[in-house]
Amino acid sequence: MQLSATSYEERLTAPRSWWLISFLVGLSFALILLPFGTLPMLGGLAGGTAAAAVVASSYGAVRIRIVGDSLIAGEAKVPLSALGEAEVLDAEEARAWRTHKADTRAFLLLRAYIPTAVRVLVTDPEDPTPYLYLSTREPEQLVETLRAAKAAA
């Protein structure tokens, strides 16, 4: 069995400022442990920075992919045949769909540090999810790839 090539892949990485914050968390651990001596202080610096970096990395490890006949967004895997029209959301419209326009049944792959998004309708009558909200840095490319993959399928 040969795996099909990925036609779209995006990792929603955490912003660079989060890595600075990870270092500052480590620095605060070092200051807390300073009264206990130099070695605990260095351990606090290393351990606090590493723990905060792991959290930032894992939060930014989520991916959006189109592989074969499926859209994989985080832990969700949806066949392209169950998807309807995709809509590019600019920053203002994306904020509206995250707040007052949001449906509680929708699947949200939300990253607040990414201002743009794509909303994809779900047409499968068996699925109660009305749409997928996907934060993405490249909404036009994702919509184009979705359309091309659906046409090819």
N, C-alpha and C. Protein backbone atom coordinates (compact mmCIF):
# COMPACT_ATOMS: atom_id res chain seq x y z
N MET A 1 0.83 -1.18 0.00
CA MET A 1 0.00 0.00 0.00
C MET A 1 0.88 1.24 0.00
N GLN A 2 0.63 2.13 -0.93
CA GLN A 2 1.42 3.34 -1.03
C GLN A 2 0.60 4.49 -0.46
N LEU A 3 1.23 5.27 0.41
CA LEU A 3 0.55 6.43 1.00
C LEU A 3 0.54 7.57 0.00
N SER A 4 -0.58 8.29 -0.02
CA SER A 4 -0.66 9.42 -0.93
C SER A 4 0.10 10.61 -0.36
N ALA A 5 0.56 11.46 -1.23
CA ALA A 5 1.34 12.61 -0.81
C ALA A 5 0.44 13.65 -0.15
N THR A 6 1.00 14.38 0.79
CA THR A 6 0.27 15.44 1.45
C THR A 6 0.18 16.62 0.50
N SER A 7 -1.04 17.11 0.26
CA SER A 7 -1.19 18.23 -0.64
C SER A 7 -1.20 19.56 0.10
N TYR A 8 -1.41 19.53 1.41
CA TYR A 8 -1.36 20.75 2.22
C TYR A 8 -0.97 20.36 3.63
N GLU A 9 -0.09 21.12 4.23
CA GLU A 9 0.27 20.90 5.63
C GLU A 9 0.71 22.22 6.24
N GLU A 10 0.17 22.49 7.42
CA GLU A 10 0.52 23.71 8.16
C GLU A 10 0.59 23.37 9.64
N ARG A 11 1.63 23.80 10.28
CA ARG A 11 1.76 23.64 11.73
C ARG A 11 1.48 24.99 12.36
N LEU A 12 0.58 25.01 13.32
CA LEU A 12 0.17 26.25 13.96
C LEU A 12 1.11 26.55 15.14
N THR A 13 2.35 26.85 14.82
CA THR A 13 3.38 27.06 15.83
C THR A 13 3.08 28.27 16.70
N ALA A 14 3.56 28.19 17.93
CA ALA A 14 3.41 29.30 18.87
C ALA A 14 4.27 30.47 18.41
N PRO A 15 3.86 31.70 18.72
CA PRO A 15 4.65 32.86 18.30
C PRO A 15 6.00 32.92 19.03
N ARG A 16 6.92 33.67 18.45
CA ARG A 16 8.28 33.77 19.01
C ARG A 16 8.28 34.35 20.42
N SER A 17 7.35 35.22 20.70
CA SER A 17 7.31 35.84 22.03
C SER A 17 7.08 34.81 23.12
N TRP A 18 6.43 33.70 22.80
CA TRP A 18 6.19 32.66 23.80
C TRP A 18 7.49 32.01 24.25
N TRP A 19 8.50 31.99 23.39
CA TRP A 19 9.78 31.41 23.78
C TRP A 19 10.50 32.35 24.74
N LEU A 20 10.36 33.65 24.56
CA LEU A 20 10.91 34.61 25.51
C LEU A 20 10.19 34.45 26.86
N ILE A 21 8.89 34.26 26.81
CA ILE A 21 8.12 34.05 28.04
C ILE A 21 8.58 32.77 28.74
N SER A 22 8.91 31.74 27.97
CA SER A 22 9.43 30.50 28.56
C SER A 22 10.71 30.76 29.33
N PHE A 23 11.59 31.58 28.76
CA PHE A 23 12.82 31.92 29.46
C PHE A 23 12.52 32.73 30.72
N LEU A 24 11.56 33.65 30.63
CA LEU A 24 11.20 34.45 31.81
C LEU A 24 10.59 33.59 32.91
N VAL A 25 9.85 32.56 32.55
CA VAL A 25 9.33 31.62 33.54
C VAL A 25 10.50 30.92 34.24
N GLY A 26 11.48 30.48 33.46
CA GLY A 26 12.67 29.86 34.04
C GLY A 26 13.43 30.82 34.94
N LEU A 27 13.50 32.08 34.55
CA LEU A 27 14.16 33.10 35.36
C LEU A 27 13.42 33.30 36.68
N SER A 28 12.12 33.29 36.62
CA SER A 28 11.35 33.45 37.86
C SER A 28 11.55 32.24 38.80
N PHE A 29 11.64 31.03 38.24
CA PHE A 29 11.95 29.86 39.07
C PHE A 29 13.33 30.00 39.69
N ALA A 30 14.28 30.52 38.90
CA ALA A 30 15.62 30.72 39.43
C ALA A 30 15.62 31.71 40.58
N LEU A 31 14.86 32.78 40.47
CA LEU A 31 14.79 33.77 41.55
C LEU A 31 14.12 33.20 42.79
N ILE A 32 13.12 32.35 42.60
CA ILE A 32 12.46 31.71 43.74
C ILE A 32 13.44 30.81 44.49
N LEU A 33 14.30 30.12 43.75
CA LEU A 33 15.23 29.17 44.37
C LEU A 33 16.57 29.80 44.73
N LEU A 34 16.77 31.07 44.49
CA LEU A 34 18.03 31.76 44.79
C LEU A 34 18.42 31.65 46.26
N PRO A 35 17.51 31.77 47.23
CA PRO A 35 17.93 31.66 48.64
C PRO A 35 18.51 30.29 49.01
N PHE A 36 18.27 29.27 48.22
CA PHE A 36 18.76 27.93 48.53
C PHE A 36 20.15 27.66 47.96
N GLY A 37 20.71 28.60 47.21
CA GLY A 37 22.06 28.45 46.69
C GLY A 37 22.12 28.51 45.17
N THR A 38 23.34 28.44 44.67
CA THR A 38 23.58 28.58 43.24
C THR A 38 23.08 27.38 42.45
N LEU A 39 23.35 26.19 42.94
CA LEU A 39 22.96 24.99 42.20
C LEU A 39 21.43 24.87 42.07
N PRO A 40 20.65 25.05 43.14
CA PRO A 40 19.19 25.04 42.98
C PRO A 40 18.69 26.16 42.06
N MET A 41 19.36 27.31 42.12
CA MET A 41 18.97 28.42 41.24
C MET A 41 19.15 28.03 39.77
N LEU A 42 20.29 27.43 39.45
CA LEU A 42 20.54 27.00 38.07
C LEU A 42 19.57 25.89 37.65
N GLY A 43 19.27 25.00 38.59
CA GLY A 43 18.28 23.95 38.31
C GLY A 43 16.90 24.53 38.05
N GLY A 44 16.53 25.55 38.82
CA GLY A 44 15.25 26.23 38.60
C GLY A 44 15.20 26.93 37.26
N LEU A 45 16.33 27.57 36.88
CA LEU A 45 16.39 28.23 35.58
C LEU A 45 16.22 27.22 34.46
N ALA A 46 16.97 26.12 34.52
CA ALA A 46 16.89 25.11 33.46
C ALA A 46 15.54 24.39 33.48
N GLY A 47 15.11 23.97 34.66
CA GLY A 47 13.85 23.23 34.76
C GLY A 47 12.64 24.07 34.41
N GLY A 48 12.59 25.30 34.90
CA GLY A 48 11.45 26.18 34.60
C GLY A 48 11.38 26.54 33.12
N THR A 49 12.55 26.84 32.54
CA THR A 49 12.58 27.16 31.10
C THR A 49 12.15 25.95 30.28
N ALA A 50 12.66 24.78 30.63
CA ALA A 50 12.32 23.57 29.88
C ALA A 50 10.84 23.25 30.00
N ALA A 51 10.28 23.35 31.19
CA ALA A 51 8.85 23.04 31.38
C ALA A 51 7.97 24.02 30.59
N ALA A 52 8.30 25.30 30.65
CA ALA A 52 7.51 26.28 29.90
C ALA A 52 7.67 26.10 28.40
N ALA A 53 8.87 25.72 27.95
CA ALA A 53 9.09 25.48 26.52
C ALA A 53 8.32 24.27 26.03
N VAL A 54 8.22 23.24 26.86
CA VAL A 54 7.45 22.05 26.48
C VAL A 54 5.98 22.41 26.32
N VAL A 55 5.45 23.22 27.22
CA VAL A 55 4.05 23.65 27.12
C VAL A 55 3.83 24.46 25.84
N ALA A 56 4.72 25.42 25.57
CA ALA A 56 4.57 26.24 24.36
C ALA A 56 4.69 25.40 23.10
N SER A 57 5.63 24.47 23.10
CA SER A 57 5.82 23.61 21.93
C SER A 57 4.63 22.69 21.70
N SER A 58 4.09 22.11 22.76
CA SER A 58 2.97 21.18 22.57
C SER A 58 1.70 21.92 22.14
N TYR A 59 1.50 23.13 22.63
CA TYR A 59 0.33 23.90 22.20
C TYR A 59 0.44 24.29 20.73
N GLY A 60 1.66 24.53 20.27
CA GLY A 60 1.87 24.92 18.88
C GLY A 60 2.19 23.76 17.96
N ALA A 61 2.00 22.53 18.42
CA ALA A 61 2.33 21.36 17.59
C ALA A 61 1.16 20.89 16.74
N VAL A 62 0.00 21.48 16.90
CA VAL A 62 -1.17 21.03 16.14
C VAL A 62 -0.99 21.36 14.65
N ARG A 63 -1.50 20.46 13.81
CA ARG A 63 -1.33 20.61 12.36
C ARG A 63 -2.67 20.56 11.64
N ILE A 64 -2.70 21.21 10.50
CA ILE A 64 -3.82 21.09 9.56
C ILE A 64 -3.22 20.48 8.30
N ARG A 65 -3.83 19.35 7.86
CA ARG A 65 -3.30 18.65 6.69
C ARG A 65 -4.44 18.19 5.79
N ILE A 66 -4.16 18.15 4.52
CA ILE A 66 -5.04 17.48 3.56
C ILE A 66 -4.22 16.34 2.98
N VAL A 67 -4.63 15.12 3.32
CA VAL A 67 -3.91 13.93 2.90
C VAL A 67 -4.90 13.02 2.21
N GLY A 68 -4.64 12.73 0.95
CA GLY A 68 -5.53 11.85 0.19
C GLY A 68 -6.92 12.44 0.10
N ASP A 69 -7.91 11.74 0.64
CA ASP A 69 -9.29 12.21 0.58
C ASP A 69 -9.80 12.65 1.95
N SER A 70 -8.88 13.14 2.83
CA SER A 70 -9.28 13.55 4.17
C SER A 70 -8.65 14.87 4.55
N LEU A 71 -9.39 15.61 5.35
CA LEU A 71 -8.88 16.81 6.00
C LEU A 71 -8.59 16.42 7.45
N ILE A 72 -7.35 16.62 7.87
CA ILE A 72 -6.96 16.30 9.24
C ILE A 72 -6.61 17.61 9.92
N ALA A 73 -7.38 17.96 10.93
CA ALA A 73 -7.19 19.21 11.67
C ALA A 73 -7.08 18.87 13.15
N GLY A 74 -5.87 18.89 13.67
CA GLY A 74 -5.67 18.47 15.04
C GLY A 74 -5.97 16.99 15.16
N GLU A 75 -6.90 16.64 16.04
CA GLU A 75 -7.29 15.23 16.21
C GLU A 75 -8.48 14.83 15.34
N ALA A 76 -9.06 15.78 14.64
CA ALA A 76 -10.23 15.48 13.80
C ALA A 76 -9.77 15.04 12.41
N LYS A 77 -10.43 13.99 11.91
CA LYS A 77 -10.16 13.52 10.54
C LYS A 77 -11.51 13.43 9.85
N VAL A 78 -11.69 14.28 8.82
CA VAL A 78 -12.97 14.38 8.14
C VAL A 78 -12.76 14.07 6.66
N PRO A 79 -13.55 13.16 6.08
CA PRO A 79 -13.42 12.90 4.65
C PRO A 79 -13.87 14.12 3.85
N LEU A 80 -13.20 14.37 2.74
CA LEU A 80 -13.52 15.53 1.91
C LEU A 80 -14.94 15.45 1.37
N SER A 81 -15.47 14.25 1.21
CA SER A 81 -16.83 14.10 0.70
C SER A 81 -17.87 14.61 1.70
N ALA A 82 -17.51 14.76 2.96
CA ALA A 82 -18.43 15.25 3.99
C ALA A 82 -18.34 16.75 4.17
N LEU A 83 -17.51 17.40 3.38
CA LEU A 83 -17.30 18.84 3.53
C LEU A 83 -17.97 19.61 2.41
N GLY A 84 -18.51 20.77 2.77
CA GLY A 84 -19.13 21.66 1.80
C GLY A 84 -18.18 22.78 1.42
N GLU A 85 -18.75 23.96 1.23
CA GLU A 85 -18.00 25.12 0.79
C GLU A 85 -17.09 25.64 1.91
N ALA A 86 -15.90 26.10 1.53
CA ALA A 86 -14.94 26.68 2.47
C ALA A 86 -14.92 28.19 2.26
N GLU A 87 -14.83 28.91 3.36
CA GLU A 87 -14.88 30.38 3.32
C GLU A 87 -13.66 30.94 4.06
N VAL A 88 -12.96 31.88 3.40
CA VAL A 88 -11.83 32.56 4.02
C VAL A 88 -12.38 33.63 4.96
N LEU A 89 -11.85 33.65 6.19
CA LEU A 89 -12.27 34.65 7.18
C LEU A 89 -11.10 35.57 7.48
N ASP A 90 -11.30 36.88 7.23
CA ASP A 90 -10.26 37.83 7.62
C ASP A 90 -10.28 37.98 9.14
N ALA A 91 -9.42 38.83 9.67
CA ALA A 91 -9.26 38.94 11.12
C ALA A 91 -10.57 39.33 11.81
N GLU A 92 -11.29 40.29 11.24
CA GLU A 92 -12.54 40.76 11.86
C GLU A 92 -13.64 39.69 11.81
N GLU A 93 -13.77 39.06 10.65
CA GLU A 93 -14.80 38.03 10.50
C GLU A 93 -14.45 36.78 11.33
N ALA A 94 -13.16 36.46 11.42
CA ALA A 94 -12.73 35.32 12.24
C ALA A 94 -13.06 35.58 13.71
N ARG A 95 -12.86 36.80 14.18
CA ARG A 95 -13.20 37.13 15.56
C ARG A 95 -14.69 36.99 15.79
N ALA A 96 -15.50 37.39 14.82
CA ALA A 96 -16.95 37.27 14.95
C ALA A 96 -17.37 35.80 15.03
N TRP A 97 -16.74 34.93 14.22
CA TRP A 97 -17.10 33.51 14.25
C TRP A 97 -16.56 32.80 15.49
N ARG A 98 -15.59 33.42 16.17
CA ARG A 98 -15.12 32.86 17.45
C ARG A 98 -16.00 33.30 18.61
N THR A 99 -16.76 34.37 18.42
CA THR A 99 -17.53 34.93 19.53
C THR A 99 -19.02 34.83 19.29
N HIS A 100 -19.65 35.91 18.86
CA HIS A 100 -21.11 35.97 18.81
C HIS A 100 -21.75 35.16 17.68
N LYS A 101 -21.04 34.83 16.63
CA LYS A 101 -21.60 34.01 15.55
C LYS A 101 -21.35 32.52 15.76
N ALA A 102 -20.58 32.16 16.76
CA ALA A 102 -20.17 30.77 16.96
C ALA A 102 -21.35 29.87 17.30
N ASP A 103 -21.29 28.65 16.79
CA ASP A 103 -22.26 27.61 17.10
C ASP A 103 -21.57 26.64 18.07
N THR A 104 -22.25 26.29 19.15
CA THR A 104 -21.63 25.43 20.16
C THR A 104 -21.37 24.02 19.64
N ARG A 105 -22.00 23.63 18.55
CA ARG A 105 -21.79 22.29 17.99
C ARG A 105 -20.61 22.25 17.02
N ALA A 106 -20.05 23.40 16.67
CA ALA A 106 -18.98 23.47 15.68
C ALA A 106 -17.66 22.93 16.23
N PHE A 107 -16.82 22.45 15.32
CA PHE A 107 -15.47 22.04 15.68
C PHE A 107 -14.56 23.25 15.51
N LEU A 108 -13.92 23.67 16.58
CA LEU A 108 -13.04 24.84 16.54
C LEU A 108 -11.60 24.40 16.77
N LEU A 109 -10.76 24.62 15.80
CA LEU A 109 -9.32 24.48 15.98
C LEU A 109 -8.81 25.91 16.08
N LEU A 110 -8.87 26.42 17.28
CA LEU A 110 -8.69 27.84 17.54
C LEU A 110 -7.33 28.10 18.15
N ARG A 111 -6.61 29.02 17.54
CA ARG A 111 -5.38 29.54 18.10
C ARG A 111 -5.51 31.05 18.09
N ALA A 112 -5.62 31.65 19.27
CA ALA A 112 -5.90 33.08 19.38
C ALA A 112 -4.79 33.95 18.80
N TYR A 113 -3.58 33.44 18.72
CA TYR A 113 -2.47 34.22 18.19
C TYR A 113 -2.44 34.22 16.66
N ILE A 114 -3.36 33.53 16.01
CA ILE A 114 -3.47 33.54 14.55
C ILE A 114 -4.75 34.28 14.20
N PRO A 115 -4.67 35.44 13.58
CA PRO A 115 -5.88 36.25 13.37
C PRO A 115 -6.81 35.76 12.28
N THR A 116 -6.32 35.06 11.27
CA THR A 116 -7.17 34.64 10.15
C THR A 116 -7.60 33.18 10.31
N ALA A 117 -8.66 32.81 9.59
CA ALA A 117 -9.19 31.45 9.72
C ALA A 117 -9.94 31.06 8.46
N VAL A 118 -10.37 29.80 8.44
CA VAL A 118 -11.20 29.25 7.38
C VAL A 118 -12.39 28.57 8.05
N ARG A 119 -13.57 28.77 7.48
CA ARG A 119 -14.77 28.09 7.96
C ARG A 119 -15.23 27.15 6.86
N VAL A 120 -15.31 25.86 7.19
CA VAL A 120 -15.69 24.84 6.21
C VAL A 120 -17.00 24.21 6.66
N LEU A 121 -18.01 24.27 5.81
CA LEU A 121 -19.30 23.67 6.13
C LEU A 121 -19.20 22.15 6.11
N VAL A 122 -19.91 21.50 7.01
CA VAL A 122 -19.98 20.04 7.04
C VAL A 122 -21.35 19.65 6.48
N THR A 123 -21.34 18.86 5.40
CA THR A 123 -22.59 18.50 4.71
C THR A 123 -23.07 17.09 5.03
N ASP A 124 -22.33 16.36 5.82
CA ASP A 124 -22.72 15.00 6.18
C ASP A 124 -23.96 15.04 7.09
N PRO A 125 -25.09 14.44 6.66
CA PRO A 125 -26.30 14.49 7.48
C PRO A 125 -26.18 13.71 8.80
N GLU A 126 -25.24 12.77 8.87
CA GLU A 126 -25.03 11.99 10.10
C GLU A 126 -24.21 12.74 11.15
N ASP A 127 -23.54 13.78 10.72
CA ASP A 127 -22.65 14.52 11.61
C ASP A 127 -23.37 15.76 12.14
N PRO A 128 -23.48 15.94 13.46
CA PRO A 128 -24.17 17.11 14.00
C PRO A 128 -23.34 18.39 13.93
N THR A 129 -22.08 18.27 13.55
CA THR A 129 -21.21 19.44 13.46
C THR A 129 -21.59 20.29 12.25
N PRO A 130 -21.97 21.57 12.45
CA PRO A 130 -22.38 22.38 11.30
C PRO A 130 -21.20 22.88 10.45
N TYR A 131 -20.07 23.13 11.08
CA TYR A 131 -18.91 23.62 10.34
C TYR A 131 -17.64 23.40 11.15
N LEU A 132 -16.51 23.52 10.43
CA LEU A 132 -15.19 23.47 11.05
C LEU A 132 -14.62 24.87 11.01
N TYR A 133 -14.15 25.36 12.13
CA TYR A 133 -13.45 26.64 12.20
C TYR A 133 -11.98 26.32 12.40
N LEU A 134 -11.15 26.69 11.43
CA LEU A 134 -9.73 26.35 11.48
C LEU A 134 -8.89 27.62 11.43
N SER A 135 -8.19 27.91 12.52
CA SER A 135 -7.23 29.02 12.50
C SER A 135 -6.10 28.65 11.56
N THR A 136 -5.73 29.56 10.69
CA THR A 136 -4.66 29.29 9.73
C THR A 136 -3.99 30.59 9.33
N ARG A 137 -2.70 30.51 9.09
CA ARG A 137 -1.95 31.68 8.63
C ARG A 137 -2.07 31.85 7.12
N GLU A 138 -2.50 30.81 6.42
CA GLU A 138 -2.61 30.83 4.95
C GLU A 138 -4.02 30.41 4.52
N PRO A 139 -5.04 31.23 4.82
CA PRO A 139 -6.41 30.80 4.53
C PRO A 139 -6.71 30.61 3.05
N GLU A 140 -6.19 31.49 2.19
CA GLU A 140 -6.45 31.37 0.75
C GLU A 140 -5.89 30.07 0.20
N GLN A 141 -4.68 29.74 0.61
CA GLN A 141 -4.04 28.52 0.11
C GLN A 141 -4.80 27.28 0.61
N LEU A 142 -5.27 27.29 1.86
CA LEU A 142 -6.02 26.15 2.39
C LEU A 142 -7.33 25.97 1.63
N VAL A 143 -8.04 27.06 1.34
CA VAL A 143 -9.31 26.96 0.61
C VAL A 143 -9.07 26.46 -0.81
N GLU A 144 -8.05 26.97 -1.48
CA GLU A 144 -7.73 26.52 -2.84
C GLU A 144 -7.37 25.04 -2.86
N THR A 145 -6.58 24.61 -1.89
CA THR A 145 -6.18 23.20 -1.84
C THR A 145 -7.39 22.31 -1.53
N LEU A 146 -8.28 22.77 -0.64
CA LEU A 146 -9.49 22.01 -0.36
C LEU A 146 -10.34 21.84 -1.61
N ARG A 147 -10.52 22.93 -2.35
CA ARG A 147 -11.33 22.86 -3.58
C ARG A 147 -10.69 21.92 -4.60
N ALA A 148 -9.37 22.02 -4.76
CA ALA A 148 -8.68 21.16 -5.73
C ALA A 148 -8.74 19.70 -5.30
N ALA A 149 -8.58 19.43 -4.02
CA ALA A 149 -8.63 18.05 -3.53
C ALA A 149 -10.04 17.46 -3.67
N LYS A 150 -11.08 18.27 -3.42
CA LYS A 150 -12.45 17.79 -3.58
C LYS A 150 -12.77 17.53 -5.04
N ALA A 151 -12.25 18.38 -5.93
CA ALA A 151 -12.48 18.17 -7.36
C ALA A 151 -11.77 16.92 -7.87
N ALA A 152 -10.60 16.63 -7.31
CA ALA A 152 -9.85 15.46 -7.73
C ALA A 152 -10.43 14.18 -7.17
N ALA A 153 -11.15 14.27 -6.07
CA ALA A 153 -11.69 13.05 -5.41
C ALA A 153 -12.95 12.56 -6.03
